[in-house]
Amino acid sequence: MILPTVDDMKDGMEGKLSIEETVAAVGTTVRNVKYWTRRHRIPTERSGRRIYYDDRGVRLLRLVRDLADLGVFHARYIDWILDGL
């Protein structure tokens, strides 16, 4: 399955995805995206009350999702992997 990139989905901010678009691109829930964003310091950009993710943020969230799918639930281990990128 090929997921859309940031350039494929635009919403008001050039090259950025809203949280709804990010959820669709990552294939998870809003709750997971918000938690992973806070827990693993995924970069975001704000415009008013809306949060936007760039392509790097979406790729990092996909990596976190993949690690969770593999059973890597220890947050410190995921932080260690993300810090190495």
PDB file of N, CA and C in Angstrom:
ATOM      1  N   MET A   1       0.844  -1.179   0.000  1.00  0.00           N
ATOM      2  CA  MET A   1       0.000   0.000   0.000  1.00  0.00           C
ATOM      3  C   MET A   1       0.888   1.240   0.000  1.00  0.00           C
ATOM      4  N   ILE A   2       0.661   2.123  -0.930  1.00  0.00           N
ATOM      5  CA  ILE A   2       1.432   3.359  -1.012  1.00  0.00           C
ATOM      6  C   ILE A   2       0.635   4.460  -0.341  1.00  0.00           C
ATOM      7  N   LEU A   3       1.248   5.077   0.673  1.00  0.00           N
ATOM      8  CA  LEU A   3       0.591   6.155   1.393  1.00  0.00           C
ATOM      9  C   LEU A   3       0.980   7.494   0.786  1.00  0.00           C
ATOM     10  N   PRO A   4       0.083   8.474   0.823  1.00  0.00           N
ATOM     11  CA  PRO A   4       0.378   9.775   0.227  1.00  0.00           C
ATOM     12  C   PRO A   4       1.468  10.515   0.990  1.00  0.00           C
ATOM     13  N   THR A   5       2.228  11.319   0.253  1.00  0.00           N
ATOM     14  CA  THR A   5       3.233  12.172   0.876  1.00  0.00           C
ATOM     15  C   THR A   5       2.612  13.523   1.161  1.00  0.00           C
ATOM     16  N   VAL A   6       3.362  14.356   1.847  1.00  0.00           N
ATOM     17  CA  VAL A   6       2.871  15.697   2.166  1.00  0.00           C
ATOM     18  C   VAL A   6       2.543  16.456   0.897  1.00  0.00           C
ATOM     19  N   ASP A   7       3.331  16.294  -0.157  1.00  0.00           N
ATOM     20  CA  ASP A   7       3.091  17.025  -1.395  1.00  0.00           C
ATOM     21  C   ASP A   7       1.791  16.604  -2.068  1.00  0.00           C
ATOM     22  N   ASP A   8       1.313  15.375  -1.796  1.00  0.00           N
ATOM     23  CA  ASP A   8       0.070  14.897  -2.380  1.00  0.00           C
ATOM     24  C   ASP A   8      -1.157  15.470  -1.683  1.00  0.00           C
ATOM     25  N   MET A   9      -1.006  15.873  -0.420  1.00  0.00           N
ATOM     26  CA  MET A   9      -2.148  16.330   0.375  1.00  0.00           C
ATOM     27  C   MET A   9      -1.827  17.688   0.969  1.00  0.00           C
ATOM     28  N   LYS A  10      -2.522  18.736   0.521  1.00  0.00           N
ATOM     29  CA  LYS A  10      -2.226  20.084   1.007  1.00  0.00           C
ATOM     30  C   LYS A  10      -3.477  20.691   1.619  1.00  0.00           C
ATOM     31  N   ASP A  11      -3.301  21.403   2.727  1.00  0.00           N
ATOM     32  CA  ASP A  11      -4.434  22.006   3.434  1.00  0.00           C
ATOM     33  C   ASP A  11      -4.019  23.357   3.992  1.00  0.00           C
ATOM     34  N   GLY A  12      -4.080  24.387   3.185  1.00  0.00           N
ATOM     35  CA  GLY A  12      -3.818  25.728   3.676  1.00  0.00           C
ATOM     36  C   GLY A  12      -2.354  26.075   3.861  1.00  0.00           C
ATOM     37  N   MET A  13      -1.543  25.172   4.337  1.00  0.00           N
ATOM     38  CA  MET A  13      -0.118  25.428   4.529  1.00  0.00           C
ATOM     39  C   MET A  13       0.634  24.593   3.509  1.00  0.00           C
ATOM     40  N   GLU A  14       1.370  25.252   2.688  1.00  0.00           N
ATOM     41  CA  GLU A  14       2.106  24.584   1.613  1.00  0.00           C
ATOM     42  C   GLU A  14       3.038  23.510   2.167  1.00  0.00           C
ATOM     43  N   GLY A  15       2.871  22.284   1.699  1.00  0.00           N
ATOM     44  CA  GLY A  15       3.768  21.199   2.086  1.00  0.00           C
ATOM     45  C   GLY A  15       3.559  20.668   3.496  1.00  0.00           C
ATOM     46  N   LYS A  16       2.440  20.980   4.123  1.00  0.00           N
ATOM     47  CA  LYS A  16       2.162  20.527   5.487  1.00  0.00           C
ATOM     48  C   LYS A  16       0.845  19.772   5.504  1.00  0.00           C
ATOM     49  N   LEU A  17       0.726  18.826   6.433  1.00  0.00           N
ATOM     50  CA  LEU A  17      -0.517  18.078   6.602  1.00  0.00           C
ATOM     51  C   LEU A  17      -1.169  18.457   7.924  1.00  0.00           C
ATOM     52  N   SER A  18      -2.489  18.596   7.903  1.00  0.00           N
ATOM     53  CA  SER A  18      -3.224  18.798   9.151  1.00  0.00           C
ATOM     54  C   SER A  18      -3.200  17.489   9.931  1.00  0.00           C
ATOM     55  N   ILE A  19      -3.650  17.518  11.164  1.00  0.00           N
ATOM     56  CA  ILE A  19      -3.638  16.299  11.966  1.00  0.00           C
ATOM     57  C   ILE A  19      -4.549  15.235  11.350  1.00  0.00           C
ATOM     58  N   GLU A  20      -5.676  15.649  10.769  1.00  0.00           N
ATOM     59  CA  GLU A  20      -6.575  14.692  10.133  1.00  0.00           C
ATOM     60  C   GLU A  20      -5.908  14.020   8.935  1.00  0.00           C
ATOM     61  N   GLU A  21      -5.220  14.804   8.131  1.00  0.00           N
ATOM     62  CA  GLU A  21      -4.513  14.252   6.974  1.00  0.00           C
ATOM     63  C   GLU A  21      -3.344  13.378   7.419  1.00  0.00           C
ATOM     64  N   THR A  22      -2.680  13.788   8.508  1.00  0.00           N
ATOM     65  CA  THR A  22      -1.564  13.010   9.041  1.00  0.00           C
ATOM     66  C   THR A  22      -2.056  11.655   9.525  1.00  0.00           C
ATOM     67  N   VAL A  23      -3.184  11.636  10.212  1.00  0.00           N
ATOM     68  CA  VAL A  23      -3.762  10.373  10.684  1.00  0.00           C
ATOM     69  C   VAL A  23      -4.027   9.450   9.500  1.00  0.00           C
ATOM     70  N   ALA A  24      -4.593   9.989   8.421  1.00  0.00           N
ATOM     71  CA  ALA A  24      -4.867   9.177   7.230  1.00  0.00           C
ATOM     72  C   ALA A  24      -3.570   8.689   6.586  1.00  0.00           C
ATOM     73  N   ALA A  25      -2.564   9.558   6.539  1.00  0.00           N
ATOM     74  CA  ALA A  25      -1.292   9.193   5.907  1.00  0.00           C
ATOM     75  C   ALA A  25      -0.523   8.156   6.722  1.00  0.00           C
ATOM     76  N   VAL A  26      -0.630   8.228   8.044  1.00  0.00           N
ATOM     77  CA  VAL A  26       0.108   7.312   8.917  1.00  0.00           C
ATOM     78  C   VAL A  26      -0.671   6.012   9.104  1.00  0.00           C
ATOM     79  N   GLY A  27      -1.988   6.099   9.059  1.00  0.00           N
ATOM     80  CA  GLY A  27      -2.799   4.905   9.232  1.00  0.00           C
ATOM     81  C   GLY A  27      -2.993   4.530  10.693  1.00  0.00           C
ATOM     82  N   THR A  28      -3.279   5.518  11.525  1.00  0.00           N
ATOM     83  CA  THR A  28      -3.491   5.291  12.948  1.00  0.00           C
ATOM     84  C   THR A  28      -4.617   6.192  13.433  1.00  0.00           C
ATOM     85  N   THR A  29      -4.678   6.459  14.710  1.00  0.00           N
ATOM     86  CA  THR A  29      -5.743   7.287  15.278  1.00  0.00           C
ATOM     87  C   THR A  29      -5.217   8.664  15.679  1.00  0.00           C
ATOM     88  N   VAL A  30      -6.132   9.606  15.845  1.00  0.00           N
ATOM     89  CA  VAL A  30      -5.761  10.945  16.315  1.00  0.00           C
ATOM     90  C   VAL A  30      -5.100  10.829  17.686  1.00  0.00           C
ATOM     91  N   ARG A  31      -5.659   9.995  18.529  1.00  0.00           N
ATOM     92  CA  ARG A  31      -5.116   9.810  19.877  1.00  0.00           C
ATOM     93  C   ARG A  31      -3.652   9.353  19.828  1.00  0.00           C
ATOM     94  N   ASN A  32      -3.344   8.370  18.974  1.00  0.00           N
ATOM     95  CA  ASN A  32      -1.964   7.895  18.855  1.00  0.00           C
ATOM     96  C   ASN A  32      -1.040   8.983  18.325  1.00  0.00           C
ATOM     97  N   VAL A  33      -1.480   9.696  17.294  1.00  0.00           N
ATOM     98  CA  VAL A  33      -0.640  10.755  16.718  1.00  0.00           C
ATOM     99  C   VAL A  33      -0.338  11.822  17.760  1.00  0.00           C
ATOM    100  N   LYS A  34      -1.341  12.248  18.512  1.00  0.00           N
ATOM    101  CA  LYS A  34      -1.109  13.270  19.543  1.00  0.00           C
ATOM    102  C   LYS A  34      -0.181  12.751  20.633  1.00  0.00           C
ATOM    103  N   TYR A  35      -0.392  11.517  21.066  1.00  0.00           N
ATOM    104  CA  TYR A  35       0.468  10.940  22.106  1.00  0.00           C
ATOM    105  C   TYR A  35       1.896  10.809  21.599  1.00  0.00           C
ATOM    106  N   TRP A  36       2.078  10.217  20.424  1.00  0.00           N
ATOM    107  CA  TRP A  36       3.426  10.025  19.884  1.00  0.00           C
ATOM    108  C   TRP A  36       4.113  11.362  19.643  1.00  0.00           C
ATOM    109  N   THR A  37       3.347  12.367  19.221  1.00  0.00           N
ATOM    110  CA  THR A  37       3.928  13.699  18.990  1.00  0.00           C
ATOM    111  C   THR A  37       4.495  14.262  20.284  1.00  0.00           C
ATOM    112  N   ARG A  38       3.727  14.166  21.362  1.00  0.00           N
ATOM    113  CA  ARG A  38       4.204  14.665  22.665  1.00  0.00           C
ATOM    114  C   ARG A  38       5.343  13.799  23.197  1.00  0.00           C
ATOM    115  N   ARG A  39       5.148  12.499  23.202  1.00  0.00           N
ATOM    116  CA  ARG A  39       6.093  11.579  23.844  1.00  0.00           C
ATOM    117  C   ARG A  39       7.444  11.546  23.143  1.00  0.00           C
ATOM    118  N   HIS A  40       7.418  11.565  21.827  1.00  0.00           N
ATOM    119  CA  HIS A  40       8.655  11.403  21.057  1.00  0.00           C
ATOM    120  C   HIS A  40       9.118  12.693  20.383  1.00  0.00           C
ATOM    121  N   ARG A  41       8.528  13.818  20.794  1.00  0.00           N
ATOM    122  CA  ARG A  41       8.953  15.138  20.314  1.00  0.00           C
ATOM    123  C   ARG A  41       8.976  15.224  18.781  1.00  0.00           C
ATOM    124  N   ILE A  42       7.895  14.775  18.147  1.00  0.00           N
ATOM    125  CA  ILE A  42       7.776  14.856  16.691  1.00  0.00           C
ATOM    126  C   ILE A  42       7.570  16.325  16.333  1.00  0.00           C
ATOM    127  N   PRO A  43       8.326  16.851  15.360  1.00  0.00           N
ATOM    128  CA  PRO A  43       8.207  18.272  15.018  1.00  0.00           C
ATOM    129  C   PRO A  43       6.849  18.611  14.395  1.00  0.00           C
ATOM    130  N   THR A  44       6.271  19.720  14.852  1.00  0.00           N
ATOM    131  CA  THR A  44       5.004  20.216  14.307  1.00  0.00           C
ATOM    132  C   THR A  44       5.115  21.713  14.089  1.00  0.00           C
ATOM    133  N   GLU A  45       4.124  22.237  13.401  1.00  0.00           N
ATOM    134  CA  GLU A  45       4.023  23.687  13.205  1.00  0.00           C
ATOM    135  C   GLU A  45       2.585  24.077  13.490  1.00  0.00           C
ATOM    136  N   ARG A  46       2.391  25.175  14.182  1.00  0.00           N
ATOM    137  CA  ARG A  46       1.046  25.645  14.520  1.00  0.00           C
ATOM    138  C   ARG A  46       0.658  26.832  13.650  1.00  0.00           C
ATOM    139  N   SER A  47      -0.619  26.855  13.318  1.00  0.00           N
ATOM    140  CA  SER A  47      -1.221  28.000  12.649  1.00  0.00           C
ATOM    141  C   SER A  47      -2.564  28.214  13.333  1.00  0.00           C
ATOM    142  N   GLY A  48      -2.600  29.165  14.255  1.00  0.00           N
ATOM    143  CA  GLY A  48      -3.783  29.330  15.082  1.00  0.00           C
ATOM    144  C   GLY A  48      -3.918  28.138  16.008  1.00  0.00           C
ATOM    145  N   ARG A  49      -5.055  27.474  15.958  1.00  0.00           N
ATOM    146  CA  ARG A  49      -5.280  26.301  16.807  1.00  0.00           C
ATOM    147  C   ARG A  49      -4.935  25.001  16.098  1.00  0.00           C
ATOM    148  N   ARG A  50      -4.602  25.071  14.838  1.00  0.00           N
ATOM    149  CA  ARG A  50      -4.343  23.860  14.051  1.00  0.00           C
ATOM    150  C   ARG A  50      -2.875  23.459  14.123  1.00  0.00           C
ATOM    151  N   ILE A  51      -2.652  22.165  14.105  1.00  0.00           N
ATOM    152  CA  ILE A  51      -1.300  21.601  14.118  1.00  0.00           C
ATOM    153  C   ILE A  51      -1.038  20.997  12.744  1.00  0.00           C
ATOM    154  N   TYR A  52       0.158  21.243  12.230  1.00  0.00           N
ATOM    155  CA  TYR A  52       0.554  20.717  10.926  1.00  0.00           C
ATOM    156  C   TYR A  52       1.845  19.928  11.060  1.00  0.00           C
ATOM    157  N   TYR A  53       1.964  18.899  10.224  1.00  0.00           N
ATOM    158  CA  TYR A  53       3.145  18.039  10.199  1.00  0.00           C
ATOM    159  C   TYR A  53       3.793  18.142   8.828  1.00  0.00           C
ATOM    160  N   ASP A  54       5.127  18.253   8.807  1.00  0.00           N
ATOM    161  CA  ASP A  54       5.828  18.235   7.537  1.00  0.00           C
ATOM    162  C   ASP A  54       6.144  16.785   7.179  1.00  0.00           C
ATOM    163  N   ASP A  55       6.793  16.592   6.041  1.00  0.00           N
ATOM    164  CA  ASP A  55       7.082  15.247   5.551  1.00  0.00           C
ATOM    165  C   ASP A  55       7.934  14.455   6.548  1.00  0.00           C
ATOM    166  N   ARG A  56       8.901  15.104   7.183  1.00  0.00           N
ATOM    167  CA  ARG A  56       9.749  14.418   8.165  1.00  0.00           C
ATOM    168  C   ARG A  56       8.920  13.949   9.357  1.00  0.00           C
ATOM    169  N   GLY A  57       8.031  14.793   9.842  1.00  0.00           N
ATOM    170  CA  GLY A  57       7.171  14.420  10.956  1.00  0.00           C
ATOM    171  C   GLY A  57       6.295  13.221  10.623  1.00  0.00           C
ATOM    172  N   VAL A  58       5.747  13.209   9.402  1.00  0.00           N
ATOM    173  CA  VAL A  58       4.907  12.089   8.966  1.00  0.00           C
ATOM    174  C   VAL A  58       5.741  10.816   8.888  1.00  0.00           C
ATOM    175  N   ARG A  59       6.962  10.915   8.352  1.00  0.00           N
ATOM    176  CA  ARG A  59       7.835   9.724   8.269  1.00  0.00           C
ATOM    177  C   ARG A  59       8.193   9.212   9.656  1.00  0.00           C
ATOM    178  N   LEU A  60       8.459  10.110  10.602  1.00  0.00           N
ATOM    179  CA  LEU A  60       8.770   9.689  11.976  1.00  0.00           C
ATOM    180  C   LEU A  60       7.564   9.011  12.629  1.00  0.00           C
ATOM    181  N   LEU A  61       6.374   9.560  12.407  1.00  0.00           N
ATOM    182  CA  LEU A  61       5.175   8.936  12.954  1.00  0.00           C
ATOM    183  C   LEU A  61       4.940   7.555  12.351  1.00  0.00           C
ATOM    184  N   ARG A  62       5.215   7.408  11.058  1.00  0.00           N
ATOM    185  CA  ARG A  62       5.094   6.074  10.437  1.00  0.00           C
ATOM    186  C   ARG A  62       6.087   5.102  11.056  1.00  0.00           C
ATOM    187  N   LEU A  63       7.290   5.569  11.344  1.00  0.00           N
ATOM    188  CA  LEU A  63       8.291   4.710  11.979  1.00  0.00           C
ATOM    189  C   LEU A  63       7.822   4.283  13.367  1.00  0.00           C
ATOM    190  N   VAL A  64       7.292   5.220  14.144  1.00  0.00           N
ATOM    191  CA  VAL A  64       6.783   4.893  15.475  1.00  0.00           C
ATOM    192  C   VAL A  64       5.643   3.876  15.353  1.00  0.00           C
ATOM    193  N   ARG A  65       4.743   4.087  14.390  1.00  0.00           N
ATOM    194  CA  ARG A  65       3.645   3.140  14.166  1.00  0.00           C
ATOM    195  C   ARG A  65       4.178   1.751  13.821  1.00  0.00           C
ATOM    196  N   ASP A  66       5.174   1.708  12.942  1.00  0.00           N
ATOM    197  CA  ASP A  66       5.766   0.418  12.559  1.00  0.00           C
ATOM    198  C   ASP A  66       6.418  -0.265  13.755  1.00  0.00           C
ATOM    199  N   LEU A  67       7.121   0.498  14.579  1.00  0.00           N
ATOM    200  CA  LEU A  67       7.743  -0.079  15.777  1.00  0.00           C
ATOM    201  C   LEU A  67       6.684  -0.612  16.740  1.00  0.00           C
ATOM    202  N   ALA A  68       5.595   0.137  16.896  1.00  0.00           N
ATOM    203  CA  ALA A  68       4.509  -0.325  17.761  1.00  0.00           C
ATOM    204  C   ALA A  68       3.887  -1.602  17.199  1.00  0.00           C
ATOM    205  N   ASP A  69       3.728  -1.652  15.869  1.00  0.00           N
ATOM    206  CA  ASP A  69       3.175  -2.855  15.239  1.00  0.00           C
ATOM    207  C   ASP A  69       4.082  -4.069  15.437  1.00  0.00           C
ATOM    208  N   LEU A  70       5.390  -3.815  15.546  1.00  0.00           N
ATOM    209  CA  LEU A  70       6.355  -4.908  15.768  1.00  0.00           C
ATOM    210  C   LEU A  70       6.431  -5.309  17.243  1.00  0.00           C
ATOM    211  N   GLY A  71       5.753  -4.565  18.087  1.00  0.00           N
ATOM    212  CA  GLY A  71       5.755  -4.892  19.503  1.00  0.00           C
ATOM    213  C   GLY A  71       6.801  -4.156  20.312  1.00  0.00           C
ATOM    214  N   VAL A  72       7.409  -3.117  19.728  1.00  0.00           N
ATOM    215  CA  VAL A  72       8.394  -2.310  20.441  1.00  0.00           C
ATOM    216  C   VAL A  72       7.625  -1.202  21.164  1.00  0.00           C
ATOM    217  N   PHE A  73       7.201  -1.488  22.385  1.00  0.00           N
ATOM    218  CA  PHE A  73       6.350  -0.547  23.104  1.00  0.00           C
ATOM    219  C   PHE A  73       7.116   0.295  24.116  1.00  0.00           C
ATOM    220  N   HIS A  74       8.332  -0.048  24.388  1.00  0.00           N
ATOM    221  CA  HIS A  74       9.081   0.697  25.403  1.00  0.00           C
ATOM    222  C   HIS A  74       9.446   2.066  24.835  1.00  0.00           C
ATOM    223  N   ALA A  75       8.868   3.108  25.403  1.00  0.00           N
ATOM    224  CA  ALA A  75       9.028   4.467  24.877  1.00  0.00           C
ATOM    225  C   ALA A  75      10.484   4.908  24.851  1.00  0.00           C
ATOM    226  N   ARG A  76      11.264   4.507  25.825  1.00  0.00           N
ATOM    227  CA  ARG A  76      12.679   4.913  25.836  1.00  0.00           C
ATOM    228  C   ARG A  76      13.433   4.311  24.655  1.00  0.00           C
ATOM    229  N   TYR A  77      13.087   3.090  24.294  1.00  0.00           N
ATOM    230  CA  TYR A  77      13.742   2.455  23.151  1.00  0.00           C
ATOM    231  C   TYR A  77      13.371   3.188  21.859  1.00  0.00           C
ATOM    232  N   ILE A  78      12.090   3.542  21.712  1.00  0.00           N
ATOM    233  CA  ILE A  78      11.673   4.296  20.525  1.00  0.00           C
ATOM    234  C   ILE A  78      12.356   5.658  20.507  1.00  0.00           C
ATOM    235  N   ASP A  79      12.456   6.329  21.663  1.00  0.00           N
ATOM    236  CA  ASP A  79      13.196   7.611  21.740  1.00  0.00           C
ATOM    237  C   ASP A  79      14.627   7.438  21.290  1.00  0.00           C
ATOM    238  N   TRP A  80      15.258   6.372  21.727  1.00  0.00           N
ATOM    239  CA  TRP A  80      16.662   6.104  21.370  1.00  0.00           C
ATOM    240  C   TRP A  80      16.807   5.953  19.862  1.00  0.00           C
ATOM    241  N   ILE A  81      15.882   5.250  19.243  1.00  0.00           N
ATOM    242  CA  ILE A  81      15.915   5.073  17.787  1.00  0.00           C
ATOM    243  C   ILE A  81      15.708   6.423  17.087  1.00  0.00           C
ATOM    244  N   LEU A  82      14.696   7.177  17.519  1.00  0.00           N
ATOM    245  CA  LEU A  82      14.410   8.468  16.879  1.00  0.00           C
ATOM    246  C   LEU A  82      15.538   9.473  17.081  1.00  0.00           C
ATOM    247  N   ASP A  83      16.167   9.454  18.252  1.00  0.00           N
ATOM    248  CA  ASP A  83      17.270  10.375  18.514  1.00  0.00           C
ATOM    249  C   ASP A  83      18.464  10.088  17.603  1.00  0.00           C
ATOM    250  N   GLY A  84      18.586   8.853  17.142  1.00  0.00           N
ATOM    251  CA  GLY A  84      19.689   8.483  16.273  1.00  0.00           C
ATOM    252  C   GLY A  84      19.479   8.883  14.813  1.00  0.00           C
ATOM    253  N   LEU A  85      18.291   9.368  14.480  1.00  0.00           N
ATOM    254  CA  LEU A  85      18.009   9.747  13.098  1.00  0.00           C
ATOM    255  C   LEU A  85      18.442  11.156  12.793  1.00  0.00           C
TER     256      LEU A  85
END
